[in-house]
Amino acid sequence: MYKDCEGKARAEMVRKQIYIEERHERLLKRISKAHGVSEAELIRRAIERENVGGKPLLLTPDQAARDEILCFVKNRKSLRPIGRPYRWSRLDAYEDREKRFPRRAKG
């Protein structure tokens, strides 16, 4: 045991090399940055949760966000004529793009 810079007792660390999938690496980096802790600390926390039978951190349901999404969907559905699917063509999309982004003259 040793004490860290905050005076907390810490156990001696053992270096481990692990193999994870690329998607796990991306998640590990993103989560560690969001929580402001090292990737190693996240792994240690996950091991501790497993050890005590804890559950992984899940996002709590946000009822207001859910209601907002449902309201948005209902409003979008009301914009289209009932009983007819929305039809579009790729050319329409290109024409719209050309109006917004005019071509540059070659030179």
N, C-alpha and C. Protein backbone atom coordinates (compact mmCIF):
# COMPACT_ATOMS: atom_id res chain seq x y z
N MET A 1 0.84 -1.19 0.00
CA MET A 1 0.00 0.00 0.00
C MET A 1 0.89 1.25 0.00
N TYR A 2 0.37 2.29 -0.65
CA TYR A 2 1.04 3.57 -0.63
C TYR A 2 -0.02 4.65 -0.63
N LYS A 3 0.36 5.89 -0.39
CA LYS A 3 -0.59 6.99 -0.41
C LYS A 3 -0.36 7.82 -1.65
N ASP A 4 -1.49 8.19 -2.30
CA ASP A 4 -1.37 9.00 -3.52
C ASP A 4 -1.24 10.47 -3.13
N CYS A 5 -1.23 11.35 -4.13
CA CYS A 5 -1.03 12.78 -3.88
C CYS A 5 -2.15 13.40 -3.05
N GLU A 6 -3.32 12.75 -2.98
CA GLU A 6 -4.43 13.24 -2.16
C GLU A 6 -4.42 12.62 -0.77
N GLY A 7 -3.44 11.75 -0.51
CA GLY A 7 -3.35 11.12 0.80
C GLY A 7 -4.19 9.87 0.94
N LYS A 8 -4.82 9.42 -0.14
CA LYS A 8 -5.63 8.21 -0.09
C LYS A 8 -4.73 6.99 -0.20
N ALA A 9 -5.10 5.95 0.55
CA ALA A 9 -4.33 4.71 0.50
C ALA A 9 -4.61 4.01 -0.83
N ARG A 10 -3.57 3.60 -1.49
CA ARG A 10 -3.69 2.90 -2.76
C ARG A 10 -2.91 1.60 -2.72
N ALA A 11 -3.40 0.60 -3.42
CA ALA A 11 -2.68 -0.67 -3.51
C ALA A 11 -1.61 -0.56 -4.58
N GLU A 12 -0.58 -1.38 -4.46
CA GLU A 12 0.44 -1.43 -5.50
C GLU A 12 -0.21 -1.91 -6.79
N MET A 13 0.19 -1.35 -7.90
CA MET A 13 -0.40 -1.69 -9.20
C MET A 13 0.44 -2.76 -9.89
N VAL A 14 -0.24 -3.60 -10.65
CA VAL A 14 0.39 -4.62 -11.47
C VAL A 14 0.08 -4.28 -12.91
N ARG A 15 1.09 -4.25 -13.75
CA ARG A 15 0.88 -3.91 -15.15
C ARG A 15 0.29 -5.10 -15.89
N LYS A 16 -0.79 -4.83 -16.65
CA LYS A 16 -1.44 -5.87 -17.44
C LYS A 16 -1.58 -5.36 -18.87
N GLN A 17 -1.41 -6.26 -19.81
CA GLN A 17 -1.64 -5.93 -21.21
C GLN A 17 -2.87 -6.72 -21.64
N ILE A 18 -3.84 -6.03 -22.20
CA ILE A 18 -5.08 -6.69 -22.61
C ILE A 18 -5.34 -6.46 -24.09
N TYR A 19 -6.17 -7.32 -24.66
CA TYR A 19 -6.57 -7.17 -26.05
C TYR A 19 -8.06 -6.88 -26.06
N ILE A 20 -8.43 -5.81 -26.75
CA ILE A 20 -9.83 -5.45 -26.89
C ILE A 20 -10.11 -5.15 -28.35
N GLU A 21 -11.37 -5.20 -28.71
CA GLU A 21 -11.76 -4.88 -30.08
C GLU A 21 -11.63 -3.38 -30.31
N GLU A 22 -11.53 -2.99 -31.57
CA GLU A 22 -11.39 -1.57 -31.90
C GLU A 22 -12.56 -0.76 -31.38
N ARG A 23 -13.77 -1.33 -31.48
CA ARG A 23 -14.93 -0.59 -30.99
C ARG A 23 -14.85 -0.38 -29.48
N HIS A 24 -14.27 -1.36 -28.75
CA HIS A 24 -14.10 -1.19 -27.32
C HIS A 24 -13.08 -0.10 -27.02
N GLU A 25 -12.05 -0.04 -27.84
CA GLU A 25 -11.04 1.01 -27.65
C GLU A 25 -11.65 2.40 -27.83
N ARG A 26 -12.47 2.54 -28.88
CA ARG A 26 -13.12 3.84 -29.11
C ARG A 26 -14.03 4.20 -27.93
N LEU A 27 -14.79 3.22 -27.47
CA LEU A 27 -15.67 3.45 -26.31
C LEU A 27 -14.85 3.82 -25.07
N LEU A 28 -13.79 3.07 -24.83
CA LEU A 28 -12.96 3.32 -23.66
C LEU A 28 -12.40 4.74 -23.68
N LYS A 29 -11.90 5.17 -24.82
CA LYS A 29 -11.37 6.52 -24.93
C LYS A 29 -12.45 7.57 -24.71
N ARG A 30 -13.62 7.36 -25.34
CA ARG A 30 -14.70 8.34 -25.22
C ARG A 30 -15.21 8.43 -23.78
N ILE A 31 -15.41 7.29 -23.14
CA ILE A 31 -15.95 7.29 -21.78
C ILE A 31 -14.93 7.85 -20.80
N SER A 32 -13.66 7.50 -20.96
CA SER A 32 -12.64 8.02 -20.03
C SER A 32 -12.53 9.53 -20.15
N LYS A 33 -12.63 10.04 -21.37
CA LYS A 33 -12.57 11.49 -21.56
C LYS A 33 -13.79 12.17 -20.94
N ALA A 34 -14.97 11.56 -21.14
CA ALA A 34 -16.20 12.14 -20.60
C ALA A 34 -16.19 12.16 -19.07
N HIS A 35 -15.60 11.14 -18.45
CA HIS A 35 -15.58 11.06 -16.98
C HIS A 35 -14.33 11.70 -16.39
N GLY A 36 -13.38 12.05 -17.23
CA GLY A 36 -12.16 12.69 -16.74
C GLY A 36 -11.26 11.75 -15.96
N VAL A 37 -11.26 10.47 -16.32
CA VAL A 37 -10.40 9.50 -15.65
C VAL A 37 -9.61 8.74 -16.72
N SER A 38 -8.58 8.04 -16.27
CA SER A 38 -7.77 7.28 -17.22
C SER A 38 -8.52 6.05 -17.69
N GLU A 39 -8.05 5.51 -18.82
CA GLU A 39 -8.63 4.28 -19.33
C GLU A 39 -8.41 3.14 -18.34
N ALA A 40 -7.26 3.12 -17.70
CA ALA A 40 -6.97 2.09 -16.71
C ALA A 40 -7.95 2.18 -15.53
N GLU A 41 -8.26 3.39 -15.11
CA GLU A 41 -9.20 3.57 -14.00
C GLU A 41 -10.58 3.04 -14.37
N LEU A 42 -11.01 3.28 -15.61
CA LEU A 42 -12.30 2.74 -16.05
C LEU A 42 -12.31 1.22 -15.98
N ILE A 43 -11.22 0.61 -16.41
CA ILE A 43 -11.13 -0.86 -16.38
C ILE A 43 -11.16 -1.34 -14.93
N ARG A 44 -10.42 -0.66 -14.03
CA ARG A 44 -10.44 -1.05 -12.62
C ARG A 44 -11.84 -0.94 -12.04
N ARG A 45 -12.56 0.12 -12.39
CA ARG A 45 -13.93 0.29 -11.88
C ARG A 45 -14.85 -0.82 -12.39
N ALA A 46 -14.68 -1.21 -13.65
CA ALA A 46 -15.50 -2.29 -14.21
C ALA A 46 -15.23 -3.60 -13.48
N ILE A 47 -13.97 -3.85 -13.16
CA ILE A 47 -13.62 -5.07 -12.42
C ILE A 47 -14.24 -5.03 -11.03
N GLU A 48 -14.17 -3.90 -10.37
CA GLU A 48 -14.76 -3.77 -9.04
C GLU A 48 -16.27 -3.99 -9.08
N ARG A 49 -16.94 -3.45 -10.10
CA ARG A 49 -18.39 -3.66 -10.21
C ARG A 49 -18.71 -5.14 -10.36
N GLU A 50 -17.91 -5.85 -11.13
CA GLU A 50 -18.10 -7.29 -11.30
C GLU A 50 -17.86 -8.01 -9.98
N ASN A 51 -16.87 -7.58 -9.24
CA ASN A 51 -16.49 -8.22 -7.99
C ASN A 51 -17.60 -8.12 -6.94
N VAL A 52 -18.27 -6.99 -6.89
CA VAL A 52 -19.32 -6.79 -5.88
C VAL A 52 -20.70 -7.07 -6.46
N GLY A 53 -20.75 -7.58 -7.69
CA GLY A 53 -22.04 -7.91 -8.28
C GLY A 53 -22.83 -6.70 -8.71
N GLY A 54 -22.15 -5.57 -8.87
CA GLY A 54 -22.83 -4.37 -9.29
C GLY A 54 -23.24 -4.43 -10.74
N LYS A 55 -24.09 -3.53 -11.10
CA LYS A 55 -24.55 -3.47 -12.48
C LYS A 55 -23.79 -2.37 -13.19
N PRO A 56 -23.63 -2.50 -14.51
CA PRO A 56 -22.93 -1.44 -15.25
C PRO A 56 -23.72 -0.13 -15.18
N LEU A 57 -22.98 0.95 -15.30
CA LEU A 57 -23.62 2.26 -15.28
C LEU A 57 -24.54 2.41 -16.48
N LEU A 58 -25.78 2.64 -16.25
CA LEU A 58 -26.75 2.84 -17.32
C LEU A 58 -27.28 4.26 -17.24
N LEU A 59 -27.64 4.78 -18.36
CA LEU A 59 -28.25 6.10 -18.36
C LEU A 59 -29.65 5.99 -17.78
N THR A 60 -30.00 6.93 -16.95
CA THR A 60 -31.35 6.92 -16.40
C THR A 60 -32.31 7.45 -17.46
N PRO A 61 -33.50 6.88 -17.54
CA PRO A 61 -34.45 7.33 -18.55
C PRO A 61 -34.82 8.80 -18.33
N ASP A 62 -34.88 9.53 -19.39
CA ASP A 62 -35.25 10.94 -19.34
C ASP A 62 -36.63 11.08 -19.96
N GLN A 63 -37.65 11.14 -19.13
CA GLN A 63 -39.03 11.19 -19.61
C GLN A 63 -39.28 12.42 -20.46
N ALA A 64 -38.70 13.55 -20.09
CA ALA A 64 -38.90 14.78 -20.86
C ALA A 64 -38.33 14.64 -22.27
N ALA A 65 -37.15 14.03 -22.37
CA ALA A 65 -36.54 13.83 -23.70
C ALA A 65 -37.40 12.89 -24.53
N ARG A 66 -37.90 11.82 -23.90
CA ARG A 66 -38.76 10.87 -24.61
C ARG A 66 -40.01 11.57 -25.12
N ASP A 67 -40.65 12.37 -24.27
CA ASP A 67 -41.86 13.09 -24.67
C ASP A 67 -41.58 14.07 -25.82
N GLU A 68 -40.42 14.71 -25.75
CA GLU A 68 -40.03 15.66 -26.80
C GLU A 68 -39.86 14.94 -28.14
N ILE A 69 -39.24 13.78 -28.11
CA ILE A 69 -39.03 13.00 -29.34
C ILE A 69 -40.37 12.55 -29.91
N LEU A 70 -41.25 12.04 -29.05
CA LEU A 70 -42.57 11.60 -29.51
C LEU A 70 -43.37 12.75 -30.11
N CYS A 71 -43.29 13.91 -29.50
CA CYS A 71 -43.98 15.09 -30.03
C CYS A 71 -43.43 15.46 -31.40
N PHE A 72 -42.11 15.42 -31.55
CA PHE A 72 -41.48 15.72 -32.83
C PHE A 72 -41.96 14.75 -33.91
N VAL A 73 -42.00 13.46 -33.57
CA VAL A 73 -42.42 12.45 -34.54
C VAL A 73 -43.88 12.67 -34.94
N LYS A 74 -44.73 12.96 -33.98
CA LYS A 74 -46.14 13.21 -34.30
C LYS A 74 -46.28 14.42 -35.22
N ASN A 75 -45.52 15.47 -34.95
CA ASN A 75 -45.58 16.66 -35.80
C ASN A 75 -45.09 16.37 -37.21
N ARG A 76 -44.02 15.58 -37.32
CA ARG A 76 -43.51 15.22 -38.65
C ARG A 76 -44.53 14.38 -39.41
N LYS A 77 -45.20 13.47 -38.72
CA LYS A 77 -46.19 12.63 -39.39
C LYS A 77 -47.35 13.46 -39.91
N SER A 78 -47.68 14.54 -39.22
CA SER A 78 -48.81 15.36 -39.64
C SER A 78 -48.49 16.21 -40.87
N LEU A 79 -47.21 16.32 -41.22
CA LEU A 79 -46.83 17.14 -42.37
C LEU A 79 -47.09 16.46 -43.71
N ARG A 80 -47.17 15.15 -43.73
CA ARG A 80 -47.36 14.44 -45.00
C ARG A 80 -48.84 14.11 -45.20
N PRO A 81 -49.25 14.03 -46.44
CA PRO A 81 -50.63 13.65 -46.70
C PRO A 81 -50.90 12.24 -46.19
N ILE A 82 -52.06 12.05 -45.62
CA ILE A 82 -52.42 10.75 -45.05
C ILE A 82 -52.62 9.73 -46.16
N GLY A 83 -52.05 8.55 -45.96
CA GLY A 83 -52.24 7.45 -46.88
C GLY A 83 -51.33 7.44 -48.08
N ARG A 84 -50.52 8.48 -48.26
CA ARG A 84 -49.60 8.50 -49.40
C ARG A 84 -48.17 8.58 -48.89
N PRO A 85 -47.31 7.68 -49.34
CA PRO A 85 -45.91 7.75 -48.91
C PRO A 85 -45.21 8.94 -49.55
N TYR A 86 -44.18 9.42 -48.88
CA TYR A 86 -43.38 10.51 -49.41
C TYR A 86 -42.56 10.00 -50.58
N ARG A 87 -42.61 10.69 -51.68
CA ARG A 87 -41.85 10.32 -52.88
C ARG A 87 -40.82 11.40 -53.18
N TRP A 88 -39.64 10.99 -53.56
CA TRP A 88 -38.60 11.93 -53.95
C TRP A 88 -37.73 11.26 -55.00
N SER A 89 -37.00 12.10 -55.70
CA SER A 89 -36.07 11.55 -56.68
C SER A 89 -34.68 12.10 -56.37
N ARG A 90 -33.70 11.36 -56.77
CA ARG A 90 -32.33 11.77 -56.55
C ARG A 90 -32.03 13.09 -57.27
N LEU A 91 -32.64 13.28 -58.44
CA LEU A 91 -32.41 14.52 -59.20
C LEU A 91 -32.89 15.73 -58.42
N ASP A 92 -34.02 15.59 -57.70
CA ASP A 92 -34.51 16.69 -56.88
C ASP A 92 -33.46 17.08 -55.83
N ALA A 93 -32.82 16.09 -55.24
CA ALA A 93 -31.81 16.36 -54.23
C ALA A 93 -30.62 17.09 -54.85
N TYR A 94 -30.20 16.68 -56.04
CA TYR A 94 -29.07 17.33 -56.69
C TYR A 94 -29.42 18.77 -57.07
N GLU A 95 -30.65 18.99 -57.55
CA GLU A 95 -31.05 20.36 -57.90
C GLU A 95 -31.03 21.26 -56.69
N ASP A 96 -31.52 20.76 -55.57
CA ASP A 96 -31.51 21.54 -54.34
C ASP A 96 -30.08 21.86 -53.91
N ARG A 97 -29.20 20.89 -54.02
CA ARG A 97 -27.80 21.09 -53.65
C ARG A 97 -27.14 22.12 -54.55
N GLU A 98 -27.41 22.05 -55.84
CA GLU A 98 -26.80 23.00 -56.77
C GLU A 98 -27.27 24.43 -56.49
N LYS A 99 -28.50 24.58 -56.02
CA LYS A 99 -28.98 25.92 -55.68
C LYS A 99 -28.24 26.47 -54.46
N ARG A 100 -27.96 25.59 -53.51
CA ARG A 100 -27.29 26.03 -52.28
C ARG A 100 -25.80 26.21 -52.45
N PHE A 101 -25.19 25.36 -53.30
CA PHE A 101 -23.75 25.39 -53.48
C PHE A 101 -23.41 25.54 -54.97
N PRO A 102 -23.35 26.76 -55.45
CA PRO A 102 -23.08 26.94 -56.88
C PRO A 102 -21.68 26.44 -57.23
N ARG A 103 -21.55 25.97 -58.46
CA ARG A 103 -20.27 25.46 -58.93
C ARG A 103 -19.28 26.60 -59.10
N ARG A 104 -18.03 26.29 -58.86
CA ARG A 104 -16.97 27.27 -59.05
C ARG A 104 -16.50 27.21 -60.49
N ALA A 105 -16.13 28.34 -60.99
CA ALA A 105 -15.62 28.40 -62.38
C ALA A 105 -14.23 27.79 -62.41
N LYS A 106 -13.99 26.96 -63.42
CA LYS A 106 -12.67 26.36 -63.57
C LYS A 106 -11.74 27.39 -64.19
N GLY A 107 -10.54 27.39 -63.74
CA GLY A 107 -9.67 28.37 -64.34
C GLY A 107 -8.30 28.28 -63.97
